[in-house]
């Protein structure tokens, strides 16, 4: 019985992470290319923008990336996301 519970917990956790979409702050080129509507050129542009300007605060900031407009953003919908823990700017001191 305990094994079934563990398996269900793992599967449910996996499903929730899929529902969140690809995190544009941590996604690799291949991860971004797996998103329907993003090819190699746009995926590379997202990574270059991220490397130059820092982490995205919201998925809507993708419209700042060359080649991605409001229409593309709408098409991408929930396929892309920005995880909250990646947007924190607070620094902790030991």
PDB file of N, CA and C in Angstrom:
ATOM      1  N   UNK A   1       0.816  -1.191   0.000  1.00  0.00           N
ATOM      2  CA  UNK A   1       0.000   0.000   0.000  1.00  0.00           C
ATOM      3  C   UNK A   1       0.861   1.258   0.000  1.00  0.00           C
ATOM      4  N   UNK A   2       1.936   1.237   0.769  1.00  0.00           N
ATOM      5  CA  UNK A   2       2.813   2.399   0.859  1.00  0.00           C
ATOM      6  C   UNK A   2       3.483   2.671  -0.492  1.00  0.00           C
ATOM      7  N   UNK A   3       3.821   1.625  -1.228  1.00  0.00           N
ATOM      8  CA  UNK A   3       4.449   1.788  -2.539  1.00  0.00           C
ATOM      9  C   UNK A   3       3.486   2.479  -3.502  1.00  0.00           C
ATOM     10  N   UNK A   4       2.228   2.127  -3.449  1.00  0.00           N
ATOM     11  CA  UNK A   4       1.232   2.742  -4.320  1.00  0.00           C
ATOM     12  C   UNK A   4       1.119   4.231  -4.007  1.00  0.00           C
ATOM     13  N   UNK A   5       1.114   4.580  -2.720  1.00  0.00           N
ATOM     14  CA  UNK A   5       1.039   5.976  -2.321  1.00  0.00           C
ATOM     15  C   UNK A   5       2.242   6.760  -2.842  1.00  0.00           C
ATOM     16  N   UNK A   6       3.418   6.188  -2.729  1.00  0.00           N
ATOM     17  CA  UNK A   6       4.637   6.856  -3.197  1.00  0.00           C
ATOM     18  C   UNK A   6       4.584   7.051  -4.712  1.00  0.00           C
ATOM     19  N   UNK A   7       4.159   6.040  -5.425  1.00  0.00           N
ATOM     20  CA  UNK A   7       4.062   6.142  -6.887  1.00  0.00           C
ATOM     21  C   UNK A   7       3.064   7.226  -7.281  1.00  0.00           C
ATOM     22  N   UNK A   8       1.909   7.254  -6.625  1.00  0.00           N
ATOM     23  CA  UNK A   8       0.911   8.275  -6.914  1.00  0.00           C
ATOM     24  C   UNK A   8       1.435   9.679  -6.610  1.00  0.00           C
ATOM     25  N   UNK A   9       2.138   9.811  -5.509  1.00  0.00           N
ATOM     26  CA  UNK A   9       2.690  11.109  -5.143  1.00  0.00           C
ATOM     27  C   UNK A   9       3.698  11.583  -6.185  1.00  0.00           C
ATOM     28  N   UNK A  10       4.532  10.695  -6.668  1.00  0.00           N
ATOM     29  CA  UNK A  10       5.516  11.049  -7.689  1.00  0.00           C
ATOM     30  C   UNK A  10       4.818  11.447  -8.982  1.00  0.00           C
ATOM     31  N   UNK A  11       3.837  10.678  -9.389  1.00  0.00           N
ATOM     32  CA  UNK A  11       3.112  10.983 -10.622  1.00  0.00           C
ATOM     33  C   UNK A  11       2.360  12.304 -10.524  1.00  0.00           C
ATOM     34  N   UNK A  12       1.729  12.562  -9.397  1.00  0.00           N
ATOM     35  CA  UNK A  12       1.017  13.824  -9.226  1.00  0.00           C
ATOM     36  C   UNK A  12       1.983  15.000  -9.226  1.00  0.00           C
ATOM     37  N   UNK A  13       3.102  14.862  -8.589  1.00  0.00           N
ATOM     38  CA  UNK A  13       4.116  15.918  -8.587  1.00  0.00           C
ATOM     39  C   UNK A  13       4.611  16.200  -9.985  1.00  0.00           C
ATOM     40  N   UNK A  14       4.809  15.166 -10.769  1.00  0.00           N
ATOM     41  CA  UNK A  14       5.243  15.331 -12.151  1.00  0.00           C
ATOM     42  C   UNK A  14       4.187  16.063 -12.959  1.00  0.00           C
ATOM     43  N   UNK A  15       2.938  15.691 -12.775  1.00  0.00           N
ATOM     44  CA  UNK A  15       1.861  16.331 -13.527  1.00  0.00           C
ATOM     45  C   UNK A  15       1.736  17.810 -13.207  1.00  0.00           C
ATOM     46  N   UNK A  16       1.912  18.193 -11.949  1.00  0.00           N
ATOM     47  CA  UNK A  16       1.834  19.608 -11.601  1.00  0.00           C
ATOM     48  C   UNK A  16       2.975  20.392 -12.220  1.00  0.00           C
ATOM     49  N   UNK A  17       4.166  19.814 -12.307  1.00  0.00           N
ATOM     50  CA  UNK A  17       5.274  20.528 -12.912  1.00  0.00           C
ATOM     51  C   UNK A  17       5.066  20.695 -14.411  1.00  0.00           C
ATOM     52  N   UNK A  18       4.422  19.738 -15.050  1.00  0.00           N
ATOM     53  CA  UNK A  18       4.121  19.855 -16.470  1.00  0.00           C
ATOM     54  C   UNK A  18       3.094  20.952 -16.698  1.00  0.00           C
ATOM     55  N   UNK A  19       2.097  21.035 -15.817  1.00  0.00           N
ATOM     56  CA  UNK A  19       1.063  22.049 -15.949  1.00  0.00           C
ATOM     57  C   UNK A  19       1.621  23.454 -15.812  1.00  0.00           C
ATOM     58  N   UNK A  20       2.730  23.613 -15.128  1.00  0.00           N
ATOM     59  CA  UNK A  20       3.315  24.926 -14.917  1.00  0.00           C
ATOM     60  C   UNK A  20       3.974  25.471 -16.175  1.00  0.00           C
ATOM     61  N   UNK A  21       4.254  24.657 -17.138  1.00  0.00           N
ATOM     62  CA  UNK A  21       4.919  25.104 -18.355  1.00  0.00           C
ATOM     63  C   UNK A  21       6.424  25.120 -18.191  1.00  0.00           C
ATOM     64  N   UNK A  22       7.111  25.391 -19.279  1.00  0.00           N
ATOM     65  CA  UNK A  22       8.566  25.446 -19.282  1.00  0.00           C
ATOM     66  C   UNK A  22       8.998  26.769 -18.648  1.00  0.00           C
ATOM     67  N   UNK A  23       9.855  26.686 -17.657  1.00  0.00           N
ATOM     68  CA  UNK A  23      10.350  27.885 -16.979  1.00  0.00           C
ATOM     69  C   UNK A  23      11.373  28.570 -17.888  1.00  0.00           C
ATOM     70  N   UNK A  24      11.027  29.745 -18.382  1.00  0.00           N
ATOM     71  CA  UNK A  24      11.901  30.438 -19.340  1.00  0.00           C
ATOM     72  C   UNK A  24      13.185  30.959 -18.700  1.00  0.00           C
ATOM     73  N   UNK A  25      13.254  30.962 -17.382  1.00  0.00           N
ATOM     74  CA  UNK A  25      14.478  31.402 -16.708  1.00  0.00           C
ATOM     75  C   UNK A  25      15.509  30.293 -16.562  1.00  0.00           C
ATOM     76  N   UNK A  26      15.082  29.052 -16.625  1.00  0.00           N
ATOM     77  CA  UNK A  26      16.017  27.945 -16.416  1.00  0.00           C
ATOM     78  C   UNK A  26      16.075  26.978 -17.594  1.00  0.00           C
ATOM     79  N   UNK A  27      15.201  27.159 -18.566  1.00  0.00           N
ATOM     80  CA  UNK A  27      15.099  26.213 -19.678  1.00  0.00           C
ATOM     81  C   UNK A  27      16.336  26.244 -20.567  1.00  0.00           C
ATOM     82  N   UNK A  28      16.712  25.071 -21.018  1.00  0.00           N
ATOM     83  CA  UNK A  28      17.809  24.948 -21.982  1.00  0.00           C
ATOM     84  C   UNK A  28      17.262  25.220 -23.381  1.00  0.00           C
ATOM     85  N   UNK A  29      18.154  25.285 -24.343  1.00  0.00           N
ATOM     86  CA  UNK A  29      17.755  25.459 -25.742  1.00  0.00           C
ATOM     87  C   UNK A  29      16.768  24.360 -26.147  1.00  0.00           C
ATOM     88  N   UNK A  30      17.097  23.117 -25.804  1.00  0.00           N
ATOM     89  CA  UNK A  30      16.230  21.985 -26.160  1.00  0.00           C
ATOM     90  C   UNK A  30      14.867  22.085 -25.470  1.00  0.00           C
ATOM     91  N   UNK A  31      14.865  22.502 -24.203  1.00  0.00           N
ATOM     92  CA  UNK A  31      13.597  22.668 -23.482  1.00  0.00           C
ATOM     93  C   UNK A  31      12.712  23.698 -24.176  1.00  0.00           C
ATOM     94  N   UNK A  32      13.295  24.815 -24.544  1.00  0.00           N
ATOM     95  CA  UNK A  32      12.532  25.872 -25.202  1.00  0.00           C
ATOM     96  C   UNK A  32      12.037  25.423 -26.575  1.00  0.00           C
ATOM     97  N   UNK A  33      12.863  24.699 -27.309  1.00  0.00           N
ATOM     98  CA  UNK A  33      12.462  24.206 -28.628  1.00  0.00           C
ATOM     99  C   UNK A  33      11.319  23.200 -28.533  1.00  0.00           C
ATOM    100  N   UNK A  34      11.152  22.572 -27.372  1.00  0.00           N
ATOM    101  CA  UNK A  34      10.073  21.599 -27.207  1.00  0.00           C
ATOM    102  C   UNK A  34       8.707  22.268 -27.066  1.00  0.00           C
ATOM    103  N   UNK A  35       8.703  23.567 -26.850  1.00  0.00           N
ATOM    104  CA  UNK A  35       7.457  24.327 -26.717  1.00  0.00           C
ATOM    105  C   UNK A  35       6.896  24.584 -28.111  1.00  0.00           C
ATOM    106  N   UNK A  36       5.628  24.225 -28.301  1.00  0.00           N
ATOM    107  CA  UNK A  36       4.971  24.436 -29.587  1.00  0.00           C
ATOM    108  C   UNK A  36       4.895  25.941 -29.851  1.00  0.00           C
ATOM    109  N   UNK A  37       5.499  26.361 -30.954  1.00  0.00           N
ATOM    110  CA  UNK A  37       5.525  27.779 -31.304  1.00  0.00           C
ATOM    111  C   UNK A  37       6.896  28.407 -31.156  1.00  0.00           C
ATOM    112  N   UNK A  38       7.827  27.688 -30.516  1.00  0.00           N
ATOM    113  CA  UNK A  38       9.199  28.177 -30.395  1.00  0.00           C
ATOM    114  C   UNK A  38      10.120  27.235 -31.154  1.00  0.00           C
ATOM    115  N   UNK A  39      10.825  27.758 -32.102  1.00  0.00           N
ATOM    116  CA  UNK A  39      11.814  26.976 -32.830  1.00  0.00           C
ATOM    117  C   UNK A  39      13.203  27.315 -32.336  1.00  0.00           C
ATOM    118  N   UNK A  40      14.221  26.843 -33.041  1.00  0.00           N
ATOM    119  CA  UNK A  40      15.603  27.080 -32.622  1.00  0.00           C
ATOM    120  C   UNK A  40      15.980  28.566 -32.563  1.00  0.00           C
ATOM    121  N   UNK A  41      15.481  29.358 -33.504  1.00  0.00           N
ATOM    122  CA  UNK A  41      15.853  30.776 -33.550  1.00  0.00           C
ATOM    123  C   UNK A  41      15.265  31.530 -32.356  1.00  0.00           C
ATOM    124  N   UNK A  42      13.991  31.319 -32.080  1.00  0.00           N
ATOM    125  CA  UNK A  42      13.364  32.006 -30.949  1.00  0.00           C
ATOM    126  C   UNK A  42      13.903  31.495 -29.619  1.00  0.00           C
ATOM    127  N   UNK A  43      14.176  30.207 -29.535  1.00  0.00           N
ATOM    128  CA  UNK A  43      14.741  29.645 -28.306  1.00  0.00           C
ATOM    129  C   UNK A  43      16.099  30.279 -28.019  1.00  0.00           C
ATOM    130  N   UNK A  44      16.912  30.410 -29.052  1.00  0.00           N
ATOM    131  CA  UNK A  44      18.236  31.029 -28.889  1.00  0.00           C
ATOM    132  C   UNK A  44      18.088  32.492 -28.490  1.00  0.00           C
ATOM    133  N   UNK A  45      17.130  33.191 -29.090  1.00  0.00           N
ATOM    134  CA  UNK A  45      16.907  34.601 -28.764  1.00  0.00           C
ATOM    135  C   UNK A  45      16.480  34.772 -27.311  1.00  0.00           C
ATOM    136  N   UNK A  46      15.661  33.856 -26.808  1.00  0.00           N
ATOM    137  CA  UNK A  46      15.229  33.914 -25.403  1.00  0.00           C
ATOM    138  C   UNK A  46      16.428  33.751 -24.481  1.00  0.00           C
ATOM    139  N   UNK A  47      17.274  32.789 -24.773  1.00  0.00           N
ATOM    140  CA  UNK A  47      18.457  32.545 -23.935  1.00  0.00           C
ATOM    141  C   UNK A  47      19.410  33.732 -23.994  1.00  0.00           C
ATOM    142  N   UNK A  48      19.620  34.291 -25.180  1.00  0.00           N
ATOM    143  CA  UNK A  48      20.503  35.449 -25.308  1.00  0.00           C
ATOM    144  C   UNK A  48      19.949  36.648 -24.539  1.00  0.00           C
ATOM    145  N   UNK A  49      18.644  36.863 -24.633  1.00  0.00           N
ATOM    146  CA  UNK A  49      18.021  37.965 -23.901  1.00  0.00           C
ATOM    147  C   UNK A  49      18.188  37.751 -22.401  1.00  0.00           C
ATOM    148  N   UNK A  50      17.939  36.537 -21.951  1.00  0.00           N
ATOM    149  CA  UNK A  50      18.062  36.200 -20.532  1.00  0.00           C
ATOM    150  C   UNK A  50      19.489  36.416 -20.042  1.00  0.00           C
ATOM    151  N   UNK A  51      20.473  36.030 -20.851  1.00  0.00           N
ATOM    152  CA  UNK A  51      21.875  36.192 -20.467  1.00  0.00           C
ATOM    153  C   UNK A  51      22.289  37.659 -20.429  1.00  0.00           C
ATOM    154  N   UNK A  52      21.705  38.481 -21.292  1.00  0.00           N
ATOM    155  CA  UNK A  52      22.050  39.897 -21.368  1.00  0.00           C
ATOM    156  C   UNK A  52      21.310  40.738 -20.338  1.00  0.00           C
ATOM    157  N   UNK A  53      20.015  40.471 -20.154  1.00  0.00           N
ATOM    158  CA  UNK A  53      19.162  41.325 -19.331  1.00  0.00           C
ATOM    159  C   UNK A  53      18.805  40.728 -17.980  1.00  0.00           C
ATOM    160  N   UNK A  54      19.163  39.504 -17.726  1.00  0.00           N
ATOM    161  CA  UNK A  54      18.828  38.862 -16.458  1.00  0.00           C
ATOM    162  C   UNK A  54      17.530  38.073 -16.553  1.00  0.00           C
ATOM    163  N   UNK A  55      17.128  37.553 -15.440  1.00  0.00           N
ATOM    164  CA  UNK A  55      15.946  36.699 -15.367  1.00  0.00           C
ATOM    165  C   UNK A  55      14.675  37.458 -15.728  1.00  0.00           C
ATOM    166  N   UNK A  56      13.747  36.734 -16.327  1.00  0.00           N
ATOM    167  CA  UNK A  56      12.431  37.286 -16.627  1.00  0.00           C
ATOM    168  C   UNK A  56      11.634  37.371 -15.331  1.00  0.00           C
ATOM    169  N   UNK A  57      10.894  38.453 -15.158  1.00  0.00           N
ATOM    170  CA  UNK A  57      10.023  38.591 -13.999  1.00  0.00           C
ATOM    171  C   UNK A  57       8.646  38.012 -14.275  1.00  0.00           C
ATOM    172  N   UNK A  58       8.284  37.960 -15.560  1.00  0.00           N
ATOM    173  CA  UNK A  58       7.000  37.380 -15.965  1.00  0.00           C
ATOM    174  C   UNK A  58       7.132  36.861 -17.393  1.00  0.00           C
ATOM    175  N   UNK A  59       6.230  35.967 -17.762  1.00  0.00           N
ATOM    176  CA  UNK A  59       6.240  35.436 -19.126  1.00  0.00           C
ATOM    177  C   UNK A  59       5.939  36.530 -20.143  1.00  0.00           C
ATOM    178  N   UNK A  60       5.200  37.560 -19.738  1.00  0.00           N
ATOM    179  CA  UNK A  60       4.858  38.653 -20.628  1.00  0.00           C
ATOM    180  C   UNK A  60       6.097  39.398 -21.119  1.00  0.00           C
ATOM    181  N   UNK A  61       7.183  39.336 -20.371  1.00  0.00           N
ATOM    182  CA  UNK A  61       8.434  39.979 -20.778  1.00  0.00           C
ATOM    183  C   UNK A  61       9.030  39.348 -22.038  1.00  0.00           C
ATOM    184  N   UNK A  62       8.517  38.194 -22.428  1.00  0.00           N
ATOM    185  CA  UNK A  62       8.997  37.577 -23.675  1.00  0.00           C
ATOM    186  C   UNK A  62       8.784  38.495 -24.873  1.00  0.00           C
ATOM    187  N   UNK A  63       7.818  39.409 -24.780  1.00  0.00           N
ATOM    188  CA  UNK A  63       7.587  40.331 -25.892  1.00  0.00           C
ATOM    189  C   UNK A  63       8.754  41.290 -26.084  1.00  0.00           C
ATOM    190  N   UNK A  64       9.674  41.359 -25.136  1.00  0.00           N
ATOM    191  CA  UNK A  64      10.885  42.165 -25.286  1.00  0.00           C
ATOM    192  C   UNK A  64      11.935  41.456 -26.131  1.00  0.00           C
ATOM    193  N   UNK A  65      11.740  40.166 -26.370  1.00  0.00           N
ATOM    194  CA  UNK A  65      12.681  39.359 -27.144  1.00  0.00           C
ATOM    195  C   UNK A  65      12.381  39.551 -28.627  1.00  0.00           C
ATOM    196  N   UNK A  66      13.413  39.818 -29.391  1.00  0.00           N
ATOM    197  CA  UNK A  66      13.249  40.018 -30.831  1.00  0.00           C
ATOM    198  C   UNK A  66      12.588  38.784 -31.455  1.00  0.00           C
ATOM    199  N   UNK A  67      11.520  39.025 -32.214  1.00  0.00           N
ATOM    200  CA  UNK A  67      10.821  37.938 -32.898  1.00  0.00           C
ATOM    201  C   UNK A  67       9.630  37.384 -32.137  1.00  0.00           C
ATOM    202  N   UNK A  68       9.412  37.889 -30.921  1.00  0.00           N
ATOM    203  CA  UNK A  68       8.273  37.425 -30.127  1.00  0.00           C
ATOM    204  C   UNK A  68       7.378  38.623 -29.829  1.00  0.00           C
ATOM    205  N   UNK A  69       6.179  38.558 -30.356  1.00  0.00           N
ATOM    206  CA  UNK A  69       5.217  39.627 -30.135  1.00  0.00           C
ATOM    207  C   UNK A  69       4.046  39.145 -29.311  1.00  0.00           C
ATOM    208  N   UNK A  70       3.047  39.995 -29.217  1.00  0.00           N
ATOM    209  CA  UNK A  70       1.861  39.671 -28.421  1.00  0.00           C
ATOM    210  C   UNK A  70       1.146  38.432 -28.961  1.00  0.00           C
ATOM    211  N   UNK A  71       1.112  38.279 -30.279  1.00  0.00           N
ATOM    212  CA  UNK A  71       0.460  37.107 -30.871  1.00  0.00           C
ATOM    213  C   UNK A  71       1.156  35.814 -30.505  1.00  0.00           C
ATOM    214  N   UNK A  72       2.475  35.827 -30.574  1.00  0.00           N
ATOM    215  CA  UNK A  72       3.243  34.634 -30.193  1.00  0.00           C
ATOM    216  C   UNK A  72       3.047  34.331 -28.717  1.00  0.00           C
ATOM    217  N   UNK A  73       3.081  35.368 -27.899  1.00  0.00           N
ATOM    218  CA  UNK A  73       2.893  35.169 -26.463  1.00  0.00           C
ATOM    219  C   UNK A  73       1.531  34.551 -26.179  1.00  0.00           C
ATOM    220  N   UNK A  74       0.515  35.032 -26.849  1.00  0.00           N
ATOM    221  CA  UNK A  74      -0.832  34.481 -26.659  1.00  0.00           C
ATOM    222  C   UNK A  74      -0.870  33.018 -27.094  1.00  0.00           C
ATOM    223  N   UNK A  75      -0.215  32.700 -28.210  1.00  0.00           N
ATOM    224  CA  UNK A  75      -0.176  31.326 -28.706  1.00  0.00           C
ATOM    225  C   UNK A  75       0.543  30.410 -27.715  1.00  0.00           C
ATOM    226  N   UNK A  76       1.622  30.902 -27.120  1.00  0.00           N
ATOM    227  CA  UNK A  76       2.386  30.090 -26.172  1.00  0.00           C
ATOM    228  C   UNK A  76       1.563  29.780 -24.928  1.00  0.00           C
ATOM    229  N   UNK A  77       0.760  30.736 -24.503  1.00  0.00           N
ATOM    230  CA  UNK A  77      -0.144  30.529 -23.370  1.00  0.00           C
ATOM    231  C   UNK A  77       0.541  29.951 -22.146  1.00  0.00           C
ATOM    232  N   UNK A  78      -0.011  28.863 -21.625  1.00  0.00           N
ATOM    233  CA  UNK A  78       0.503  28.231 -20.408  1.00  0.00           C
ATOM    234  C   UNK A  78       1.676  27.297 -20.656  1.00  0.00           C
ATOM    235  N   UNK A  79       2.168  27.257 -21.883  1.00  0.00           N
ATOM    236  CA  UNK A  79       3.313  26.389 -22.175  1.00  0.00           C
ATOM    237  C   UNK A  79       4.603  26.930 -21.574  1.00  0.00           C
ATOM    238  N   UNK A  80       4.614  28.227 -21.275  1.00  0.00           N
ATOM    239  CA  UNK A  80       5.804  28.855 -20.686  1.00  0.00           C
ATOM    240  C   UNK A  80       5.415  29.515 -19.377  1.00  0.00           C
ATOM    241  N   UNK A  81       6.368  29.599 -18.474  1.00  0.00           N
ATOM    242  CA  UNK A  81       6.102  30.217 -17.178  1.00  0.00           C
ATOM    243  C   UNK A  81       7.389  30.766 -16.595  1.00  0.00           C
ATOM    244  N   UNK A  82       7.228  31.512 -15.529  1.00  0.00           N
ATOM    245  CA  UNK A  82       8.342  31.982 -14.712  1.00  0.00           C
ATOM    246  C   UNK A  82       8.040  31.528 -13.299  1.00  0.00           C
ATOM    247  N   UNK A  83       8.872  30.680 -12.774  1.00  0.00           N
ATOM    248  CA  UNK A  83       8.658  30.176 -11.416  1.00  0.00           C
ATOM    249  C   UNK A  83       9.002  31.262 -10.418  1.00  0.00           C
ATOM    250  N   UNK A  84       8.195  31.387  -9.381  1.00  0.00           N
ATOM    251  CA  UNK A  84       8.350  32.462  -8.400  1.00  0.00           C
ATOM    252  C   UNK A  84       9.719  32.487  -7.732  1.00  0.00           C
ATOM    253  N   UNK A  85      10.262  31.331  -7.404  1.00  0.00           N
ATOM    254  CA  UNK A  85      11.541  31.318  -6.696  1.00  0.00           C
ATOM    255  C   UNK A  85      12.667  31.881  -7.542  1.00  0.00           C
ATOM    256  N   UNK A  86      12.495  31.915  -8.864  1.00  0.00           N
ATOM    257  CA  UNK A  86      13.531  32.456  -9.740  1.00  0.00           C
ATOM    258  C   UNK A  86      13.504  33.971  -9.809  1.00  0.00           C
ATOM    259  N   UNK A  87      12.415  34.595  -9.416  1.00  0.00           N
ATOM    260  CA  UNK A  87      12.278  36.033  -9.569  1.00  0.00           C
ATOM    261  C   UNK A  87      12.637  36.805  -8.321  1.00  0.00           C
ATOM    262  N   UNK A  88      12.937  36.120  -7.239  1.00  0.00           N
ATOM    263  CA  UNK A  88      13.262  36.799  -5.996  1.00  0.00           C
ATOM    264  C   UNK A  88      14.567  37.563  -6.133  1.00  0.00           C
ATOM    265  N   UNK A  89      14.558  38.819  -5.695  1.00  0.00           N
ATOM    266  CA  UNK A  89      15.774  39.630  -5.753  1.00  0.00           C
ATOM    267  C   UNK A  89      16.363  39.855  -4.368  1.00  0.00           C
ATOM    268  N   UNK A  90      15.716  39.284  -3.358  1.00  0.00           N
ATOM    269  CA  UNK A  90      16.218  39.454  -1.996  1.00  0.00           C
ATOM    270  C   UNK A  90      17.494  38.657  -1.820  1.00  0.00           C
ATOM    271  N   UNK A  91      18.426  39.257  -1.094  1.00  0.00           N
ATOM    272  CA  UNK A  91      19.674  38.561  -0.779  1.00  0.00           C
ATOM    273  C   UNK A  91      19.632  38.197   0.689  1.00  0.00           C
ATOM    274  N   UNK A  92      20.061  36.977   0.949  1.00  0.00           N
ATOM    275  CA  UNK A  92      20.117  36.549   2.348  1.00  0.00           C
ATOM    276  C   UNK A  92      21.548  36.610   2.818  1.00  0.00           C
ATOM    277  N   UNK A  93      21.719  36.988   4.048  1.00  0.00           N
ATOM    278  CA  UNK A  93      23.067  37.026   4.619  1.00  0.00           C
ATOM    279  C   UNK A  93      23.205  35.919   5.629  1.00  0.00           C
ATOM    280  N   UNK A  94      24.363  35.327   5.685  1.00  0.00           N
ATOM    281  CA  UNK A  94      24.575  34.215   6.634  1.00  0.00           C
ATOM    282  C   UNK A  94      24.589  34.653   8.065  1.00  0.00           C
TER     283      UNK A  94
END
